[in-house]
N, C-alpha and C. Protein backbone atom coordinates (compact mmCIF):
# COMPACT_ATOMS: atom_id res chain seq x y z
N UNK A 1 -39.28 -49.35 9.95
CA UNK A 1 -38.20 -49.35 10.93
C UNK A 1 -38.71 -48.66 12.20
N UNK A 2 -38.47 -49.25 13.35
CA UNK A 2 -38.94 -48.66 14.60
C UNK A 2 -38.11 -47.45 14.98
N UNK A 3 -38.67 -46.63 15.87
CA UNK A 3 -38.00 -45.39 16.26
C UNK A 3 -36.70 -45.66 17.01
N UNK A 4 -36.70 -46.69 17.88
CA UNK A 4 -35.49 -47.01 18.64
C UNK A 4 -34.37 -47.51 17.72
N UNK A 5 -34.74 -48.24 16.66
CA UNK A 5 -33.74 -48.70 15.70
C UNK A 5 -33.16 -47.54 14.92
N UNK A 6 -34.01 -46.55 14.57
CA UNK A 6 -33.54 -45.38 13.84
C UNK A 6 -32.56 -44.58 14.69
N UNK A 7 -32.83 -44.45 15.98
CA UNK A 7 -31.95 -43.71 16.88
C UNK A 7 -30.61 -44.43 16.98
N UNK A 8 -30.65 -45.75 17.14
CA UNK A 8 -29.41 -46.52 17.24
C UNK A 8 -28.61 -46.43 15.94
N UNK A 9 -29.28 -46.48 14.79
CA UNK A 9 -28.59 -46.36 13.51
C UNK A 9 -28.00 -44.98 13.33
N UNK A 10 -28.69 -43.95 13.76
CA UNK A 10 -28.19 -42.58 13.63
C UNK A 10 -26.92 -42.39 14.47
N UNK A 11 -26.87 -43.05 15.63
CA UNK A 11 -25.68 -42.93 16.47
C UNK A 11 -24.50 -43.66 15.85
N UNK A 12 -24.75 -44.70 15.08
CA UNK A 12 -23.68 -45.47 14.46
C UNK A 12 -23.29 -44.92 13.10
N UNK A 13 -24.04 -43.94 12.57
CA UNK A 13 -23.70 -43.35 11.28
C UNK A 13 -24.33 -44.09 10.11
N UNK A 14 -25.49 -44.74 10.32
CA UNK A 14 -26.19 -45.43 9.26
C UNK A 14 -27.43 -44.62 8.92
N UNK A 15 -27.65 -44.35 7.64
CA UNK A 15 -28.80 -43.57 7.22
C UNK A 15 -29.68 -44.41 6.32
N UNK A 16 -30.97 -44.07 6.30
CA UNK A 16 -31.91 -44.78 5.46
C UNK A 16 -32.31 -43.89 4.30
N UNK A 17 -32.25 -44.43 3.07
CA UNK A 17 -32.64 -43.69 1.89
C UNK A 17 -34.16 -43.70 1.74
N UNK A 18 -34.65 -42.99 0.70
CA UNK A 18 -36.08 -42.92 0.44
C UNK A 18 -36.67 -44.28 0.09
N UNK A 19 -35.89 -45.12 -0.56
CA UNK A 19 -36.40 -46.43 -0.96
C UNK A 19 -36.29 -47.48 0.14
N UNK A 20 -35.78 -47.09 1.30
CA UNK A 20 -35.70 -48.01 2.43
C UNK A 20 -34.37 -48.69 2.59
N UNK A 21 -33.46 -48.55 1.64
CA UNK A 21 -32.16 -49.18 1.77
C UNK A 21 -31.29 -48.37 2.72
N UNK A 22 -30.39 -49.04 3.39
CA UNK A 22 -29.51 -48.37 4.35
C UNK A 22 -28.11 -48.26 3.77
N UNK A 23 -27.44 -47.18 4.10
CA UNK A 23 -26.08 -46.95 3.63
C UNK A 23 -25.29 -46.28 4.75
N UNK A 24 -24.02 -46.63 4.85
CA UNK A 24 -23.17 -46.01 5.86
C UNK A 24 -22.84 -44.59 5.42
N UNK A 25 -23.00 -43.63 6.34
CA UNK A 25 -22.72 -42.23 6.04
C UNK A 25 -21.51 -41.81 6.85
N UNK A 26 -20.55 -41.18 6.18
CA UNK A 26 -19.35 -40.71 6.87
C UNK A 26 -19.53 -39.24 7.18
N UNK A 27 -19.47 -38.91 8.46
CA UNK A 27 -19.59 -37.53 8.88
C UNK A 27 -18.20 -36.91 8.88
N UNK A 28 -18.03 -35.85 8.11
CA UNK A 28 -16.72 -35.22 7.96
C UNK A 28 -16.62 -34.02 8.89
N UNK A 29 -15.45 -33.88 9.51
CA UNK A 29 -15.22 -32.73 10.39
C UNK A 29 -15.19 -31.45 9.58
N UNK A 30 -15.73 -30.39 10.14
CA UNK A 30 -15.71 -29.07 9.51
C UNK A 30 -15.04 -28.12 10.47
N UNK A 31 -14.05 -27.37 9.97
CA UNK A 31 -13.33 -26.41 10.79
C UNK A 31 -13.38 -25.05 10.11
N UNK A 32 -13.35 -23.98 10.91
CA UNK A 32 -13.32 -22.63 10.38
C UNK A 32 -12.06 -21.95 10.90
N UNK A 33 -11.32 -21.31 9.98
CA UNK A 33 -10.09 -20.66 10.39
C UNK A 33 -9.67 -19.59 9.40
N UNK A 34 -8.53 -18.97 9.68
CA UNK A 34 -7.98 -17.91 8.82
C UNK A 34 -6.78 -18.44 8.04
N UNK A 35 -6.67 -18.01 6.79
CA UNK A 35 -5.56 -18.43 5.95
C UNK A 35 -4.31 -17.70 6.42
N UNK A 36 -3.28 -18.46 6.76
CA UNK A 36 -2.02 -17.88 7.22
C UNK A 36 -1.04 -17.74 6.06
N UNK A 37 -1.10 -18.67 5.11
CA UNK A 37 -0.15 -18.65 4.01
C UNK A 37 -0.76 -19.34 2.80
N UNK A 38 -0.41 -18.84 1.61
CA UNK A 38 -0.84 -19.50 0.37
C UNK A 38 0.31 -19.61 -0.61
N UNK A 39 1.52 -19.72 -0.10
CA UNK A 39 2.71 -19.69 -0.94
C UNK A 39 2.96 -21.00 -1.69
N UNK A 40 2.30 -22.06 -1.30
CA UNK A 40 2.45 -23.34 -2.00
C UNK A 40 1.39 -23.45 -3.08
N UNK A 41 1.66 -24.22 -4.10
CA UNK A 41 0.71 -24.41 -5.18
C UNK A 41 -0.43 -25.31 -4.73
N UNK A 42 -1.66 -24.82 -4.87
CA UNK A 42 -2.89 -25.55 -4.53
C UNK A 42 -2.96 -25.96 -3.06
N UNK A 43 -2.25 -25.25 -2.20
CA UNK A 43 -2.26 -25.54 -0.77
C UNK A 43 -2.35 -24.24 0.01
N UNK A 44 -3.19 -24.23 1.03
CA UNK A 44 -3.29 -23.07 1.93
C UNK A 44 -3.04 -23.56 3.35
N UNK A 45 -2.31 -22.78 4.12
CA UNK A 45 -2.11 -23.09 5.53
C UNK A 45 -3.15 -22.29 6.29
N UNK A 46 -4.01 -22.99 7.01
CA UNK A 46 -5.13 -22.37 7.71
C UNK A 46 -4.92 -22.54 9.21
N UNK A 47 -5.05 -21.44 9.94
CA UNK A 47 -4.89 -21.45 11.39
C UNK A 47 -6.27 -21.46 12.04
N UNK A 48 -6.54 -22.49 12.81
CA UNK A 48 -7.82 -22.64 13.51
C UNK A 48 -7.60 -22.33 14.98
N UNK A 49 -8.43 -21.45 15.53
CA UNK A 49 -8.30 -21.03 16.93
C UNK A 49 -9.45 -21.64 17.72
N UNK A 50 -9.12 -22.29 18.82
CA UNK A 50 -10.12 -22.87 19.73
C UNK A 50 -9.86 -22.35 21.12
N UNK A 51 -10.87 -22.40 21.95
CA UNK A 51 -10.71 -22.05 23.36
C UNK A 51 -10.91 -23.31 24.18
N UNK A 52 -9.87 -23.66 24.94
CA UNK A 52 -9.86 -24.89 25.71
C UNK A 52 -9.69 -24.53 27.18
N UNK A 53 -10.43 -25.18 28.04
CA UNK A 53 -10.33 -24.87 29.47
C UNK A 53 -9.08 -25.51 30.06
N UNK A 54 -8.32 -24.71 30.80
CA UNK A 54 -7.13 -25.22 31.48
C UNK A 54 -7.59 -26.14 32.60
N UNK A 55 -7.04 -27.35 32.71
CA UNK A 55 -7.55 -28.31 33.70
C UNK A 55 -7.37 -27.88 35.15
N UNK A 56 -6.31 -27.15 35.46
CA UNK A 56 -6.07 -26.78 36.86
C UNK A 56 -6.69 -25.42 37.21
N UNK A 57 -6.51 -24.45 36.34
CA UNK A 57 -6.94 -23.09 36.66
C UNK A 57 -8.35 -22.77 36.21
N UNK A 58 -8.97 -23.66 35.43
CA UNK A 58 -10.35 -23.46 34.97
C UNK A 58 -10.52 -22.16 34.19
N UNK A 59 -9.50 -21.77 33.49
CA UNK A 59 -9.57 -20.57 32.67
C UNK A 59 -9.48 -21.01 31.21
N UNK A 60 -10.21 -20.34 30.34
CA UNK A 60 -10.17 -20.68 28.93
C UNK A 60 -8.91 -20.09 28.30
N UNK A 61 -8.16 -20.95 27.62
CA UNK A 61 -6.91 -20.57 27.00
C UNK A 61 -7.07 -20.74 25.49
N UNK A 62 -6.53 -19.78 24.73
CA UNK A 62 -6.61 -19.85 23.28
C UNK A 62 -5.58 -20.85 22.76
N UNK A 63 -6.05 -21.80 21.97
CA UNK A 63 -5.19 -22.82 21.39
C UNK A 63 -5.26 -22.68 19.88
N UNK A 64 -4.09 -22.60 19.24
CA UNK A 64 -4.03 -22.45 17.79
C UNK A 64 -3.44 -23.70 17.16
N UNK A 65 -3.99 -24.09 16.03
CA UNK A 65 -3.43 -25.21 15.29
C UNK A 65 -3.47 -24.87 13.81
N UNK A 66 -2.41 -25.23 13.11
CA UNK A 66 -2.31 -24.91 11.68
C UNK A 66 -2.52 -26.19 10.86
N UNK A 67 -3.41 -26.11 9.89
CA UNK A 67 -3.71 -27.23 9.01
C UNK A 67 -3.34 -26.85 7.59
N UNK A 68 -2.78 -27.80 6.85
CA UNK A 68 -2.57 -27.60 5.42
C UNK A 68 -3.82 -28.14 4.72
N UNK A 69 -4.39 -27.30 3.86
CA UNK A 69 -5.64 -27.66 3.18
C UNK A 69 -5.48 -27.52 1.67
N UNK A 70 -6.18 -28.37 0.95
CA UNK A 70 -6.13 -28.35 -0.52
C UNK A 70 -7.02 -27.23 -1.04
N UNK A 71 -6.45 -26.35 -1.85
CA UNK A 71 -7.16 -25.23 -2.47
C UNK A 71 -7.00 -25.40 -3.98
N UNK A 72 -7.96 -26.08 -4.60
CA UNK A 72 -7.83 -26.49 -6.00
C UNK A 72 -7.59 -25.34 -6.96
N UNK A 73 -8.29 -24.20 -6.75
CA UNK A 73 -8.19 -23.09 -7.70
C UNK A 73 -7.29 -21.95 -7.23
N UNK A 74 -6.56 -22.17 -6.16
CA UNK A 74 -5.67 -21.13 -5.60
C UNK A 74 -6.41 -19.82 -5.36
N UNK A 75 -7.61 -19.89 -4.78
CA UNK A 75 -8.43 -18.71 -4.54
C UNK A 75 -8.12 -18.02 -3.23
N UNK A 76 -7.63 -18.76 -2.25
CA UNK A 76 -7.45 -18.23 -0.90
C UNK A 76 -6.31 -17.22 -0.85
N UNK A 77 -6.52 -16.15 -0.10
CA UNK A 77 -5.51 -15.13 0.15
C UNK A 77 -5.27 -15.07 1.66
N UNK A 78 -4.08 -14.66 2.09
CA UNK A 78 -3.83 -14.56 3.53
C UNK A 78 -4.84 -13.61 4.19
N UNK A 79 -5.41 -14.07 5.31
CA UNK A 79 -6.40 -13.29 6.04
C UNK A 79 -7.82 -13.69 5.75
N UNK A 80 -8.06 -14.46 4.70
CA UNK A 80 -9.42 -14.92 4.39
C UNK A 80 -9.91 -15.87 5.47
N UNK A 81 -11.20 -15.81 5.76
CA UNK A 81 -11.81 -16.76 6.69
C UNK A 81 -12.42 -17.87 5.84
N UNK A 82 -12.01 -19.13 6.07
CA UNK A 82 -12.43 -20.24 5.23
C UNK A 82 -12.98 -21.39 6.07
N UNK A 83 -13.74 -22.23 5.40
CA UNK A 83 -14.25 -23.45 6.03
C UNK A 83 -13.52 -24.63 5.43
N UNK A 84 -13.02 -25.51 6.29
CA UNK A 84 -12.32 -26.72 5.86
C UNK A 84 -13.21 -27.92 6.07
N UNK A 85 -13.09 -28.89 5.18
CA UNK A 85 -13.84 -30.14 5.29
C UNK A 85 -12.84 -31.28 5.27
N UNK A 86 -13.03 -32.22 6.16
CA UNK A 86 -12.14 -33.38 6.21
C UNK A 86 -12.21 -34.13 4.88
N UNK A 87 -11.08 -34.60 4.41
CA UNK A 87 -10.99 -35.22 3.10
C UNK A 87 -10.02 -36.39 3.20
N UNK A 88 -9.99 -37.21 2.16
CA UNK A 88 -9.01 -38.29 2.17
C UNK A 88 -7.60 -37.69 2.13
N UNK A 89 -6.63 -38.46 2.53
CA UNK A 89 -5.26 -37.97 2.58
C UNK A 89 -4.77 -37.64 1.17
N UNK A 90 -4.33 -36.39 0.98
CA UNK A 90 -3.86 -35.94 -0.33
C UNK A 90 -2.35 -35.91 -0.42
N UNK A 91 -1.68 -35.73 0.70
CA UNK A 91 -0.22 -35.75 0.74
C UNK A 91 0.17 -36.10 2.17
N UNK A 92 1.42 -35.92 2.49
CA UNK A 92 1.88 -36.27 3.84
C UNK A 92 1.17 -35.45 4.90
N UNK A 93 0.90 -34.18 4.62
CA UNK A 93 0.31 -33.28 5.63
C UNK A 93 -1.13 -32.87 5.34
N UNK A 94 -1.60 -33.00 4.11
CA UNK A 94 -2.92 -32.48 3.74
C UNK A 94 -4.01 -33.53 3.96
N UNK A 95 -4.94 -33.19 4.88
CA UNK A 95 -6.08 -34.06 5.16
C UNK A 95 -7.39 -33.29 5.13
N UNK A 96 -7.34 -32.05 4.71
CA UNK A 96 -8.52 -31.20 4.61
C UNK A 96 -8.53 -30.53 3.24
N UNK A 97 -9.70 -30.07 2.83
CA UNK A 97 -9.79 -29.24 1.64
C UNK A 97 -10.63 -28.02 1.96
N UNK A 98 -10.39 -26.94 1.25
CA UNK A 98 -11.15 -25.70 1.46
C UNK A 98 -12.49 -25.88 0.78
N UNK A 99 -13.58 -25.83 1.55
CA UNK A 99 -14.90 -26.01 0.95
C UNK A 99 -15.48 -24.69 0.49
N UNK A 100 -15.25 -23.61 1.25
CA UNK A 100 -15.76 -22.30 0.83
C UNK A 100 -15.01 -21.20 1.56
N UNK A 101 -15.05 -20.02 0.95
CA UNK A 101 -14.48 -18.84 1.58
C UNK A 101 -15.62 -18.09 2.24
N UNK A 102 -15.56 -17.96 3.56
CA UNK A 102 -16.64 -17.33 4.30
C UNK A 102 -16.55 -15.81 4.18
N UNK A 103 -15.34 -15.30 4.35
CA UNK A 103 -15.15 -13.85 4.36
C UNK A 103 -13.79 -13.53 3.76
N UNK A 104 -13.76 -12.57 2.87
CA UNK A 104 -12.50 -12.15 2.24
C UNK A 104 -11.73 -11.22 3.16
N UNK A 105 -10.41 -11.23 3.07
CA UNK A 105 -9.56 -10.34 3.86
C UNK A 105 -9.71 -8.92 3.32
N UNK A 106 -9.61 -7.95 4.21
CA UNK A 106 -9.68 -6.54 3.82
C UNK A 106 -8.34 -6.15 3.22
N UNK A 107 -8.37 -5.66 1.98
CA UNK A 107 -7.14 -5.26 1.30
C UNK A 107 -6.83 -3.80 1.64
N UNK A 108 -5.59 -3.49 2.01
CA UNK A 108 -5.22 -2.12 2.40
C UNK A 108 -4.91 -1.25 1.22
């Protein structure tokens, strides 16, 4: 496979295996945020904070968004820093799952 073809395939999300066969690869979004609530069974509400530039004032403004994520083992506690991975739709609101806990919350 030529180098230009490999670059074009990489941009389209096509990967080549060791045996030369090609397969479509789905790149999943990864988000990092803090657990806001774990009161539902196998579900954690995770708040992701981003900084977005205001179009008129050119100042960075903090933008928060809350995602419901699947937590299979109910491990997450409020305040934990977790990584979310995009997943197939699990319910009306859940489109992410907790892939790992980056940092545990400090218990008082």
